[in-house]
């Protein structure tokens, strides 16, 4: 792979508050070799003049569902896995086109999809899969109609799904071990009710202390962690008390609970854009009336939760949680958050904070020697206009992942 020099850029490296004008970056292979405020020279490197554009780390989305190719999740089981996989490839290609070079899948994707990206079979972001999320019977991951009996064995399961059912300590241990065996890089659990699930109220508490601790213990045995879908203070506290590291959504969090998350060294990954998109398009794309009714409970609380989390000093990751055709709104999260957060803090959520959440602080989310060459070049200054990051990548002049150019406009 030839060396590349990206010259004459305004550097937003993921650590500083402001852009650094007149910078130059040398990439060798899949890594950044040098960052300088003076011109760099190499006899073998190709030089690309960015003409003052903003150079940023590749974006990281810590809450996606790449196999959620249909907004009506229950329908995923009705189509062949091969079709779902190919549709997921298109979803991932769209994410890379928007500047996301890394994503954490929080239910559905397995190690096979991650390997397909790593082997170049799919042009998509680097994938950290959670496998199928773990749900109790009747929990947020249980999408079966009430007329269907309980699935009692793995051979009765079929089709794609974002979650699997596990009840009791022994089943939870086995399910966690199985997902890790299949390539999960972290484990996802459902700790409260949710919008997309038909029968559990938002405030429902799911999984016992003993079940959660067993799952966390198995994850730690693989030197990884557990993330939990949780909305209410009670559900969040229960998860944090039992060792969960990352709380997803947290729309209804209060100050005391946020301080507890901070004290435990936890993270929160809000997903405001999914509620915005479901409110606008959910009925059109097949979301049930039951789910639309539950949506109102959490949508309006999203911005207030950001204020609470910032006040408590909780690390806030960037997530989107979009479904089906709504994936195209992935970058609208930047604009929505800017109503409650400074642009630099929103950008850090999608770079340095998410890199730390993934335990890849010095490797991802920064522009520094030794980091992966995941880079995007933006027309304009996102600190002055965060909306430049919105859309389908229209303002991106360059996208690079692992030193490979996926977009070059000049």
Foldseek 3Di string as FASTA:
>chain_A
DWKEKEWQEFEPFLPDPGTRGGKMWIDDFQFTADIDSDDDDDPTYHYDYLNHFYKFFQFEAEEEALLQQALLQVCQQVDDPVVSLVSSLVLQQLCLLLRHQEYEYQFFDWQVSQVCCVVPVGVGHRYQYQYAAEFAVVAQQDQDPPVDDDDDDPVPDGGTGRHDYADDQVRLLVVLVVRVVRHHQEHEYEQAHALQRQPGARHHGGDDLNNLLSSQVSQVVVVHFYEYEHAALVSLVSNLVSGHAEYEANLHHDLVSLLSNVVSNHAYEHAQQQLVCCQVCVVVRPRDPSSNVNSVVRNVSRLVVVVSNVVSVHLYAYHHHHGHPSSQFSQCSLVVNVVRDQSSSSLSNRAQSVCVNSVNNQATRGRRGPHGPFMWTFHDDCNVPVCSSGGSNPGTQWTDGSNDTPHHND
